[in-house]
């Protein structure tokens, strides 16, 4: 399930000597399915935040965070937090050192 994302991340790392993961989200062509808020939630999950912490940071309810996570899972066909982390790394949404 994670193999394509891992292989993609490895190939990107091998192809560049100066990897800049902080590209703007708008320039990332791999995320057209996700809304801006879903991208925010995905980044927070990848950073190891709990639903409650995400809700506090984004000023929404825990139920809203759960709904966003469910929508992300459905759109990307990823069903674990580890899968979210791999996806976020592969698509340059977070730096490796940002992950807890």
PDB file of N, CA and C in Angstrom:
ATOM      1  N   UNK A   1       0.827  -1.192   0.000  1.00  0.00           N
ATOM      2  CA  UNK A   1       0.000   0.000   0.000  1.00  0.00           C
ATOM      3  C   UNK A   1       0.869   1.252   0.000  1.00  0.00           C
ATOM      4  N   UNK A   2       1.977   1.262   0.757  1.00  0.00           N
ATOM      5  CA  UNK A   2       2.832   2.439   0.844  1.00  0.00           C
ATOM      6  C   UNK A   2       3.978   2.397  -0.152  1.00  0.00           C
ATOM      7  N   UNK A   3       4.162   1.284  -0.809  1.00  0.00           N
ATOM      8  CA  UNK A   3       5.324   1.085  -1.661  1.00  0.00           C
ATOM      9  C   UNK A   3       5.443   2.160  -2.747  1.00  0.00           C
ATOM     10  N   UNK A   4       4.384   2.496  -3.497  1.00  0.00           N
ATOM     11  CA  UNK A   4       4.541   3.531  -4.527  1.00  0.00           C
ATOM     12  C   UNK A   4       4.974   4.883  -3.953  1.00  0.00           C
ATOM     13  N   UNK A   5       4.416   5.277  -2.815  1.00  0.00           N
ATOM     14  CA  UNK A   5       4.792   6.559  -2.215  1.00  0.00           C
ATOM     15  C   UNK A   5       6.233   6.532  -1.735  1.00  0.00           C
ATOM     16  N   UNK A   6       6.661   5.427  -1.158  1.00  0.00           N
ATOM     17  CA  UNK A   6       8.042   5.309  -0.676  1.00  0.00           C
ATOM     18  C   UNK A   6       9.010   5.336  -1.847  1.00  0.00           C
ATOM     19  N   UNK A   7       8.687   4.585  -2.898  1.00  0.00           N
ATOM     20  CA  UNK A   7       9.564   4.578  -4.077  1.00  0.00           C
ATOM     21  C   UNK A   7       9.656   5.964  -4.707  1.00  0.00           C
ATOM     22  N   UNK A   8       8.534   6.664  -4.763  1.00  0.00           N
ATOM     23  CA  UNK A   8       8.537   8.017  -5.325  1.00  0.00           C
ATOM     24  C   UNK A   8       9.403   8.954  -4.480  1.00  0.00           C
ATOM     25  N   UNK A   9       9.280   8.852  -3.167  1.00  0.00           N
ATOM     26  CA  UNK A   9      10.086   9.692  -2.269  1.00  0.00           C
ATOM     27  C   UNK A   9      11.560   9.380  -2.426  1.00  0.00           C
ATOM     28  N   UNK A  10      11.905   8.103  -2.494  1.00  0.00           N
ATOM     29  CA  UNK A  10      13.304   7.718  -2.670  1.00  0.00           C
ATOM     30  C   UNK A  10      13.863   8.225  -3.984  1.00  0.00           C
ATOM     31  N   UNK A  11      13.079   8.110  -5.053  1.00  0.00           N
ATOM     32  CA  UNK A  11      13.574   8.567  -6.355  1.00  0.00           C
ATOM     33  C   UNK A  11      13.776  10.075  -6.375  1.00  0.00           C
ATOM     34  N   UNK A  12      12.902  10.814  -5.695  1.00  0.00           N
ATOM     35  CA  UNK A  12      13.072  12.274  -5.636  1.00  0.00           C
ATOM     36  C   UNK A  12      14.326  12.645  -4.854  1.00  0.00           C
ATOM     37  N   UNK A  13      14.579  11.917  -3.780  1.00  0.00           N
ATOM     38  CA  UNK A  13      15.766  12.198  -2.975  1.00  0.00           C
ATOM     39  C   UNK A  13      17.042  11.883  -3.752  1.00  0.00           C
ATOM     40  N   UNK A  14      17.017  10.817  -4.542  1.00  0.00           N
ATOM     41  CA  UNK A  14      18.188  10.434  -5.314  1.00  0.00           C
ATOM     42  C   UNK A  14      18.448  11.404  -6.467  1.00  0.00           C
ATOM     43  N   UNK A  15      17.387  11.971  -7.014  1.00  0.00           N
ATOM     44  CA  UNK A  15      17.514  12.833  -8.194  1.00  0.00           C
ATOM     45  C   UNK A  15      18.035  14.226  -7.875  1.00  0.00           C
ATOM     46  N   UNK A  16      17.920  14.653  -6.635  1.00  0.00           N
ATOM     47  CA  UNK A  16      18.338  16.004  -6.296  1.00  0.00           C
ATOM     48  C   UNK A  16      19.336  15.991  -5.168  1.00  0.00           C
ATOM     49  N   UNK A  17      20.335  16.809  -5.270  1.00  0.00           N
ATOM     50  CA  UNK A  17      21.311  16.901  -4.183  1.00  0.00           C
ATOM     51  C   UNK A  17      20.865  17.921  -3.146  1.00  0.00           C
ATOM     52  N   UNK A  18      20.099  18.909  -3.565  1.00  0.00           N
ATOM     53  CA  UNK A  18      19.596  19.931  -2.643  1.00  0.00           C
ATOM     54  C   UNK A  18      18.080  19.840  -2.614  1.00  0.00           C
ATOM     55  N   UNK A  19      17.566  19.029  -1.721  1.00  0.00           N
ATOM     56  CA  UNK A  19      16.133  18.796  -1.658  1.00  0.00           C
ATOM     57  C   UNK A  19      15.477  19.904  -0.849  1.00  0.00           C
ATOM     58  N   UNK A  20      14.556  20.610  -1.478  1.00  0.00           N
ATOM     59  CA  UNK A  20      13.803  21.662  -0.793  1.00  0.00           C
ATOM     60  C   UNK A  20      12.359  21.220  -0.686  1.00  0.00           C
ATOM     61  N   UNK A  21      11.981  20.718   0.493  1.00  0.00           N
ATOM     62  CA  UNK A  21      10.641  20.198   0.686  1.00  0.00           C
ATOM     63  C   UNK A  21       9.607  21.295   0.857  1.00  0.00           C
ATOM     64  N   UNK A  22      10.005  22.506   1.095  1.00  0.00           N
ATOM     65  CA  UNK A  22       9.050  23.571   1.385  1.00  0.00           C
ATOM     66  C   UNK A  22       8.576  24.291   0.135  1.00  0.00           C
ATOM     67  N   UNK A  23       8.263  23.551  -0.905  1.00  0.00           N
ATOM     68  CA  UNK A  23       7.644  24.182  -2.065  1.00  0.00           C
ATOM     69  C   UNK A  23       6.250  24.627  -1.667  1.00  0.00           C
ATOM     70  N   UNK A  24       5.761  25.648  -2.299  1.00  0.00           N
ATOM     71  CA  UNK A  24       4.407  26.073  -1.949  1.00  0.00           C
ATOM     72  C   UNK A  24       3.412  25.012  -2.387  1.00  0.00           C
ATOM     73  N   UNK A  25       2.357  24.879  -1.631  1.00  0.00           N
ATOM     74  CA  UNK A  25       1.356  23.856  -1.909  1.00  0.00           C
ATOM     75  C   UNK A  25       0.710  24.100  -3.271  1.00  0.00           C
ATOM     76  N   UNK A  26       0.586  25.349  -3.675  1.00  0.00           N
ATOM     77  CA  UNK A  26      -0.033  25.641  -4.960  1.00  0.00           C
ATOM     78  C   UNK A  26       0.788  25.071  -6.115  1.00  0.00           C
ATOM     79  N   UNK A  27       2.112  24.997  -5.952  1.00  0.00           N
ATOM     80  CA  UNK A  27       2.964  24.486  -7.015  1.00  0.00           C
ATOM     81  C   UNK A  27       2.959  22.970  -7.066  1.00  0.00           C
ATOM     82  N   UNK A  28       2.455  22.311  -6.051  1.00  0.00           N
ATOM     83  CA  UNK A  28       2.466  20.863  -5.982  1.00  0.00           C
ATOM     84  C   UNK A  28       1.307  20.314  -6.803  1.00  0.00           C
ATOM     85  N   UNK A  29       1.615  19.704  -7.942  1.00  0.00           N
ATOM     86  CA  UNK A  29       0.588  19.222  -8.859  1.00  0.00           C
ATOM     87  C   UNK A  29      -0.056  17.916  -8.418  1.00  0.00           C
ATOM     88  N   UNK A  30       0.451  17.304  -7.343  1.00  0.00           N
ATOM     89  CA  UNK A  30      -0.049  16.011  -6.923  1.00  0.00           C
ATOM     90  C   UNK A  30      -1.225  16.109  -5.971  1.00  0.00           C
ATOM     91  N   UNK A  31      -1.637  17.290  -5.581  1.00  0.00           N
ATOM     92  CA  UNK A  31      -2.662  17.432  -4.566  1.00  0.00           C
ATOM     93  C   UNK A  31      -3.932  18.139  -5.047  1.00  0.00           C
ATOM     94  N   UNK A  32      -4.345  17.951  -6.280  1.00  0.00           N
ATOM     95  CA  UNK A  32      -5.538  18.683  -6.731  1.00  0.00           C
ATOM     96  C   UNK A  32      -6.820  18.200  -6.074  1.00  0.00           C
ATOM     97  N   UNK A  33      -6.815  16.999  -5.524  1.00  0.00           N
ATOM     98  CA  UNK A  33      -8.021  16.437  -4.931  1.00  0.00           C
ATOM     99  C   UNK A  33      -8.356  17.023  -3.572  1.00  0.00           C
ATOM    100  N   UNK A  34      -7.366  17.526  -2.865  1.00  0.00           N
ATOM    101  CA  UNK A  34      -7.569  17.969  -1.493  1.00  0.00           C
ATOM    102  C   UNK A  34      -7.856  19.468  -1.415  1.00  0.00           C
ATOM    103  N   UNK A  35      -8.787  19.819  -0.531  1.00  0.00           N
ATOM    104  CA  UNK A  35      -9.045  21.235  -0.270  1.00  0.00           C
ATOM    105  C   UNK A  35      -7.888  21.790   0.559  1.00  0.00           C
ATOM    106  N   UNK A  36      -7.814  23.097   0.659  1.00  0.00           N
ATOM    107  CA  UNK A  36      -6.750  23.714   1.451  1.00  0.00           C
ATOM    108  C   UNK A  36      -6.813  23.262   2.906  1.00  0.00           C
ATOM    109  N   UNK A  37      -7.994  23.147   3.462  1.00  0.00           N
ATOM    110  CA  UNK A  37      -8.140  22.731   4.859  1.00  0.00           C
ATOM    111  C   UNK A  37      -7.735  21.265   5.034  1.00  0.00           C
ATOM    112  N   UNK A  38      -8.067  20.436   4.060  1.00  0.00           N
ATOM    113  CA  UNK A  38      -7.641  19.041   4.117  1.00  0.00           C
ATOM    114  C   UNK A  38      -6.122  18.939   4.067  1.00  0.00           C
ATOM    115  N   UNK A  39      -5.487  19.790   3.272  1.00  0.00           N
ATOM    116  CA  UNK A  39      -4.021  19.816   3.237  1.00  0.00           C
ATOM    117  C   UNK A  39      -3.463  20.227   4.593  1.00  0.00           C
ATOM    118  N   UNK A  40      -4.092  21.208   5.236  1.00  0.00           N
ATOM    119  CA  UNK A  40      -3.663  21.635   6.571  1.00  0.00           C
ATOM    120  C   UNK A  40      -3.756  20.479   7.562  1.00  0.00           C
ATOM    121  N   UNK A  41      -4.857  19.756   7.519  1.00  0.00           N
ATOM    122  CA  UNK A  41      -5.047  18.616   8.425  1.00  0.00           C
ATOM    123  C   UNK A  41      -4.021  17.529   8.123  1.00  0.00           C
ATOM    124  N   UNK A  42      -3.796  17.244   6.857  1.00  0.00           N
ATOM    125  CA  UNK A  42      -2.811  16.237   6.465  1.00  0.00           C
ATOM    126  C   UNK A  42      -1.425  16.594   6.991  1.00  0.00           C
ATOM    127  N   UNK A  43      -1.044  17.843   6.881  1.00  0.00           N
ATOM    128  CA  UNK A  43       0.257  18.301   7.379  1.00  0.00           C
ATOM    129  C   UNK A  43       0.339  18.122   8.890  1.00  0.00           C
ATOM    130  N   UNK A  44      -0.711  18.474   9.590  1.00  0.00           N
ATOM    131  CA  UNK A  44      -0.725  18.325  11.049  1.00  0.00           C
ATOM    132  C   UNK A  44      -0.634  16.862  11.459  1.00  0.00           C
ATOM    133  N   UNK A  45      -1.356  16.001  10.771  1.00  0.00           N
ATOM    134  CA  UNK A  45      -1.288  14.566  11.073  1.00  0.00           C
ATOM    135  C   UNK A  45       0.123  14.064  10.840  1.00  0.00           C
ATOM    136  N   UNK A  46       0.724  14.484   9.732  1.00  0.00           N
ATOM    137  CA  UNK A  46       2.087  14.051   9.421  1.00  0.00           C
ATOM    138  C   UNK A  46       3.083  14.520  10.476  1.00  0.00           C
ATOM    139  N   UNK A  47       2.798  15.647  11.098  1.00  0.00           N
ATOM    140  CA  UNK A  47       3.679  16.158  12.147  1.00  0.00           C
ATOM    141  C   UNK A  47       3.444  15.473  13.484  1.00  0.00           C
ATOM    142  N   UNK A  48       2.499  14.537  13.527  1.00  0.00           N
ATOM    143  CA  UNK A  48       2.267  13.753  14.730  1.00  0.00           C
ATOM    144  C   UNK A  48       1.278  14.344  15.706  1.00  0.00           C
ATOM    145  N   UNK A  49       0.481  15.289  15.258  1.00  0.00           N
ATOM    146  CA  UNK A  49      -0.487  15.934  16.136  1.00  0.00           C
ATOM    147  C   UNK A  49      -1.734  15.062  16.287  1.00  0.00           C
ATOM    148  N   UNK A  50      -2.341  15.106  17.468  1.00  0.00           N
ATOM    149  CA  UNK A  50      -3.597  14.398  17.707  1.00  0.00           C
ATOM    150  C   UNK A  50      -4.749  15.208  17.118  1.00  0.00           C
ATOM    151  N   UNK A  51      -5.908  14.574  17.008  1.00  0.00           N
ATOM    152  CA  UNK A  51      -7.083  15.291  16.500  1.00  0.00           C
ATOM    153  C   UNK A  51      -7.392  16.514  17.356  1.00  0.00           C
ATOM    154  N   UNK A  52      -7.254  16.377  18.667  1.00  0.00           N
ATOM    155  CA  UNK A  52      -7.530  17.500  19.567  1.00  0.00           C
ATOM    156  C   UNK A  52      -6.538  18.643  19.327  1.00  0.00           C
ATOM    157  N   UNK A  53      -5.256  18.311  19.167  1.00  0.00           N
ATOM    158  CA  UNK A  53      -4.246  19.343  18.906  1.00  0.00           C
ATOM    159  C   UNK A  53      -4.490  20.028  17.568  1.00  0.00           C
ATOM    160  N   UNK A  54      -4.872  19.241  16.566  1.00  0.00           N
ATOM    161  CA  UNK A  54      -5.173  19.808  15.249  1.00  0.00           C
ATOM    162  C   UNK A  54      -6.364  20.757  15.349  1.00  0.00           C
ATOM    163  N   UNK A  55      -7.396  20.326  16.059  1.00  0.00           N
ATOM    164  CA  UNK A  55      -8.598  21.152  16.223  1.00  0.00           C
ATOM    165  C   UNK A  55      -8.254  22.478  16.885  1.00  0.00           C
ATOM    166  N   UNK A  56      -7.419  22.436  17.917  1.00  0.00           N
ATOM    167  CA  UNK A  56      -7.024  23.669  18.602  1.00  0.00           C
ATOM    168  C   UNK A  56      -6.205  24.577  17.694  1.00  0.00           C
ATOM    169  N   UNK A  57      -5.292  24.000  16.937  1.00  0.00           N
ATOM    170  CA  UNK A  57      -4.440  24.797  16.046  1.00  0.00           C
ATOM    171  C   UNK A  57      -5.234  25.434  14.908  1.00  0.00           C
ATOM    172  N   UNK A  58      -6.202  24.707  14.358  1.00  0.00           N
ATOM    173  CA  UNK A  58      -6.958  25.201  13.204  1.00  0.00           C
ATOM    174  C   UNK A  58      -8.269  25.877  13.588  1.00  0.00           C
ATOM    175  N   UNK A  59      -8.545  25.945  14.895  1.00  0.00           N
ATOM    176  CA  UNK A  59      -9.765  26.592  15.397  1.00  0.00           C
ATOM    177  C   UNK A  59     -11.031  25.962  14.828  1.00  0.00           C
ATOM    178  N   UNK A  60     -11.067  24.633  14.869  1.00  0.00           N
ATOM    179  CA  UNK A  60     -12.249  23.883  14.464  1.00  0.00           C
ATOM    180  C   UNK A  60     -12.534  22.835  15.534  1.00  0.00           C
ATOM    181  N   UNK A  61     -13.642  22.135  15.411  1.00  0.00           N
ATOM    182  CA  UNK A  61     -13.969  21.101  16.391  1.00  0.00           C
ATOM    183  C   UNK A  61     -13.230  19.802  16.058  1.00  0.00           C
ATOM    184  N   UNK A  62     -13.145  18.929  17.053  1.00  0.00           N
ATOM    185  CA  UNK A  62     -12.527  17.620  16.850  1.00  0.00           C
ATOM    186  C   UNK A  62     -13.332  16.828  15.818  1.00  0.00           C
ATOM    187  N   UNK A  63     -14.644  16.993  15.811  1.00  0.00           N
ATOM    188  CA  UNK A  63     -15.481  16.307  14.814  1.00  0.00           C
ATOM    189  C   UNK A  63     -15.154  16.773  13.397  1.00  0.00           C
ATOM    190  N   UNK A  64     -14.873  18.045  13.242  1.00  0.00           N
ATOM    191  CA  UNK A  64     -14.498  18.571  11.925  1.00  0.00           C
ATOM    192  C   UNK A  64     -13.175  17.965  11.474  1.00  0.00           C
ATOM    193  N   UNK A  65     -12.221  17.856  12.388  1.00  0.00           N
ATOM    194  CA  UNK A  65     -10.931  17.231  12.059  1.00  0.00           C
ATOM    195  C   UNK A  65     -11.156  15.786  11.629  1.00  0.00           C
ATOM    196  N   UNK A  66     -11.985  15.059  12.365  1.00  0.00           N
ATOM    197  CA  UNK A  66     -12.282  13.667  12.021  1.00  0.00           C
ATOM    198  C   UNK A  66     -12.916  13.568  10.630  1.00  0.00           C
ATOM    199  N   UNK A  67     -13.792  14.493  10.324  1.00  0.00           N
ATOM    200  CA  UNK A  67     -14.423  14.508   8.999  1.00  0.00           C
ATOM    201  C   UNK A  67     -13.389  14.761   7.913  1.00  0.00           C
ATOM    202  N   UNK A  68     -12.490  15.728   8.137  1.00  0.00           N
ATOM    203  CA  UNK A  68     -11.433  16.000   7.152  1.00  0.00           C
ATOM    204  C   UNK A  68     -10.544  14.774   6.962  1.00  0.00           C
ATOM    205  N   UNK A  69     -10.179  14.110   8.059  1.00  0.00           N
ATOM    206  CA  UNK A  69      -9.333  12.916   7.957  1.00  0.00           C
ATOM    207  C   UNK A  69     -10.041  11.816   7.174  1.00  0.00           C
ATOM    208  N   UNK A  70     -11.323  11.650   7.408  1.00  0.00           N
ATOM    209  CA  UNK A  70     -12.105  10.646   6.686  1.00  0.00           C
ATOM    210  C   UNK A  70     -12.159  10.994   5.193  1.00  0.00           C
ATOM    211  N   UNK A  71     -12.341  12.272   4.871  1.00  0.00           N
ATOM    212  CA  UNK A  71     -12.375  12.699   3.468  1.00  0.00           C
ATOM    213  C   UNK A  71     -11.021  12.507   2.788  1.00  0.00           C
ATOM    214  N   UNK A  72      -9.945  12.825   3.500  1.00  0.00           N
ATOM    215  CA  UNK A  72      -8.596  12.618   2.960  1.00  0.00           C
ATOM    216  C   UNK A  72      -8.381  11.137   2.676  1.00  0.00           C
ATOM    217  N   UNK A  73      -8.739  10.295   3.641  1.00  0.00           N
ATOM    218  CA  UNK A  73      -8.590   8.846   3.469  1.00  0.00           C
ATOM    219  C   UNK A  73      -9.345   8.354   2.249  1.00  0.00           C
ATOM    220  N   UNK A  74     -10.547   8.851   2.076  1.00  0.00           N
ATOM    221  CA  UNK A  74     -11.369   8.436   0.948  1.00  0.00           C
ATOM    222  C   UNK A  74     -10.778   8.906  -0.379  1.00  0.00           C
ATOM    223  N   UNK A  75     -10.368  10.155  -0.435  1.00  0.00           N
ATOM    224  CA  UNK A  75      -9.842  10.714  -1.682  1.00  0.00           C
ATOM    225  C   UNK A  75      -8.511  10.096  -2.093  1.00  0.00           C
ATOM    226  N   UNK A  76      -7.638   9.829  -1.115  1.00  0.00           N
ATOM    227  CA  UNK A  76      -6.299   9.337  -1.425  1.00  0.00           C
ATOM    228  C   UNK A  76      -6.174   7.818  -1.271  1.00  0.00           C
ATOM    229  N   UNK A  77      -7.206   7.192  -0.745  1.00  0.00           N
ATOM    230  CA  UNK A  77      -7.189   5.748  -0.471  1.00  0.00           C
ATOM    231  C   UNK A  77      -6.023   5.380   0.456  1.00  0.00           C
ATOM    232  N   UNK A  78      -5.840   6.211   1.469  1.00  0.00           N
ATOM    233  CA  UNK A  78      -4.842   5.978   2.516  1.00  0.00           C
ATOM    234  C   UNK A  78      -5.608   5.928   3.828  1.00  0.00           C
ATOM    235  N   UNK A  79      -5.366   4.880   4.611  1.00  0.00           N
ATOM    236  CA  UNK A  79      -6.218   4.663   5.773  1.00  0.00           C
ATOM    237  C   UNK A  79      -5.471   4.591   7.103  1.00  0.00           C
ATOM    238  N   UNK A  80      -4.215   5.019   7.128  1.00  0.00           N
ATOM    239  CA  UNK A  80      -3.465   5.025   8.380  1.00  0.00           C
ATOM    240  C   UNK A  80      -2.702   6.335   8.516  1.00  0.00           C
ATOM    241  N   UNK A  81      -2.362   6.668   9.751  1.00  0.00           N
ATOM    242  CA  UNK A  81      -1.555   7.867   9.988  1.00  0.00           C
ATOM    243  C   UNK A  81      -0.176   7.723   9.347  1.00  0.00           C
ATOM    244  N   UNK A  82       0.371   6.520   9.390  1.00  0.00           N
ATOM    245  CA  UNK A  82       1.676   6.283   8.753  1.00  0.00           C
ATOM    246  C   UNK A  82       1.592   6.551   7.250  1.00  0.00           C
ATOM    247  N   UNK A  83       0.476   6.167   6.652  1.00  0.00           N
ATOM    248  CA  UNK A  83       0.272   6.437   5.225  1.00  0.00           C
ATOM    249  C   UNK A  83       0.213   7.927   4.943  1.00  0.00           C
ATOM    250  N   UNK A  84      -0.433   8.677   5.844  1.00  0.00           N
ATOM    251  CA  UNK A  84      -0.476  10.136   5.699  1.00  0.00           C
ATOM    252  C   UNK A  84       0.923  10.722   5.756  1.00  0.00           C
ATOM    253  N   UNK A  85       1.741  10.220   6.672  1.00  0.00           N
ATOM    254  CA  UNK A  85       3.113  10.729   6.822  1.00  0.00           C
ATOM    255  C   UNK A  85       3.900  10.476   5.548  1.00  0.00           C
ATOM    256  N   UNK A  86       3.822   9.263   5.042  1.00  0.00           N
ATOM    257  CA  UNK A  86       4.556   8.924   3.819  1.00  0.00           C
ATOM    258  C   UNK A  86       4.078   9.779   2.654  1.00  0.00           C
ATOM    259  N   UNK A  87       2.784   9.963   2.525  1.00  0.00           N
ATOM    260  CA  UNK A  87       2.227  10.780   1.450  1.00  0.00           C
ATOM    261  C   UNK A  87       2.712  12.228   1.570  1.00  0.00           C
ATOM    262  N   UNK A  88       2.663  12.769   2.785  1.00  0.00           N
ATOM    263  CA  UNK A  88       3.090  14.159   3.001  1.00  0.00           C
ATOM    264  C   UNK A  88       4.577  14.331   2.680  1.00  0.00           C
ATOM    265  N   UNK A  89       5.392  13.361   3.060  1.00  0.00           N
ATOM    266  CA  UNK A  89       6.818  13.422   2.730  1.00  0.00           C
ATOM    267  C   UNK A  89       7.043  13.316   1.221  1.00  0.00           C
ATOM    268  N   UNK A  90       6.363  12.375   0.598  1.00  0.00           N
ATOM    269  CA  UNK A  90       6.542  12.149  -0.837  1.00  0.00           C
ATOM    270  C   UNK A  90       6.100  13.346  -1.669  1.00  0.00           C
ATOM    271  N   UNK A  91       5.136  14.104  -1.148  1.00  0.00           N
ATOM    272  CA  UNK A  91       4.609  15.237  -1.896  1.00  0.00           C
ATOM    273  C   UNK A  91       5.086  16.586  -1.349  1.00  0.00           C
ATOM    274  N   UNK A  92       6.169  16.511  -0.565  1.00  0.00           N
ATOM    275  CA  UNK A  92       6.870  17.717  -0.106  1.00  0.00           C
ATOM    276  C   UNK A  92       6.013  18.675   0.711  1.00  0.00           C
ATOM    277  N   UNK A  93       5.119  18.128   1.527  1.00  0.00           N
ATOM    278  CA  UNK A  93       4.299  18.972   2.383  1.00  0.00           C
ATOM    279  C   UNK A  93       4.953  19.214   3.735  1.00  0.00           C
ATOM    280  N   UNK A  94       5.822  18.305   4.152  1.00  0.00           N
ATOM    281  CA  UNK A  94       6.518  18.440   5.432  1.00  0.00           C
ATOM    282  C   UNK A  94       7.973  18.035   5.252  1.00  0.00           C
ATOM    283  N   UNK A  95       8.792  18.522   6.149  1.00  0.00           N
ATOM    284  CA  UNK A  95      10.193  18.105   6.199  1.00  0.00           C
ATOM    285  C   UNK A  95      10.309  16.897   7.110  1.00  0.00           C
ATOM    286  N   UNK A  96      11.281  16.071   6.881  1.00  0.00           N
ATOM    287  CA  UNK A  96      11.490  14.895   7.715  1.00  0.00           C
ATOM    288  C   UNK A  96      11.687  15.281   9.172  1.00  0.00           C
ATOM    289  N   UNK A  97      12.392  16.395   9.425  1.00  0.00           N
ATOM    290  CA  UNK A  97      12.651  16.809  10.794  1.00  0.00           C
ATOM    291  C   UNK A  97      11.411  17.413  11.480  1.00  0.00           C
ATOM    292  N   UNK A  98      10.343  17.690  10.744  1.00  0.00           N
ATOM    293  CA  UNK A  98       9.093  18.178  11.326  1.00  0.00           C
ATOM    294  C   UNK A  98       8.269  17.067  11.968  1.00  0.00           C
ATOM    295  N   UNK A  99       8.599  15.835  11.617  1.00  0.00           N
ATOM    296  CA  UNK A  99       7.811  14.696  12.056  1.00  0.00           C
ATOM    297  C   UNK A  99       8.287  14.239  13.417  1.00  0.00           C
ATOM    298  N   UNK A 100       7.318  14.061  14.341  1.00  0.00           N
ATOM    299  CA  UNK A 100       7.640  13.595  15.693  1.00  0.00           C
ATOM    300  C   UNK A 100       7.870  12.104  15.683  1.00  0.00           C
TER     301      UNK A 100
END
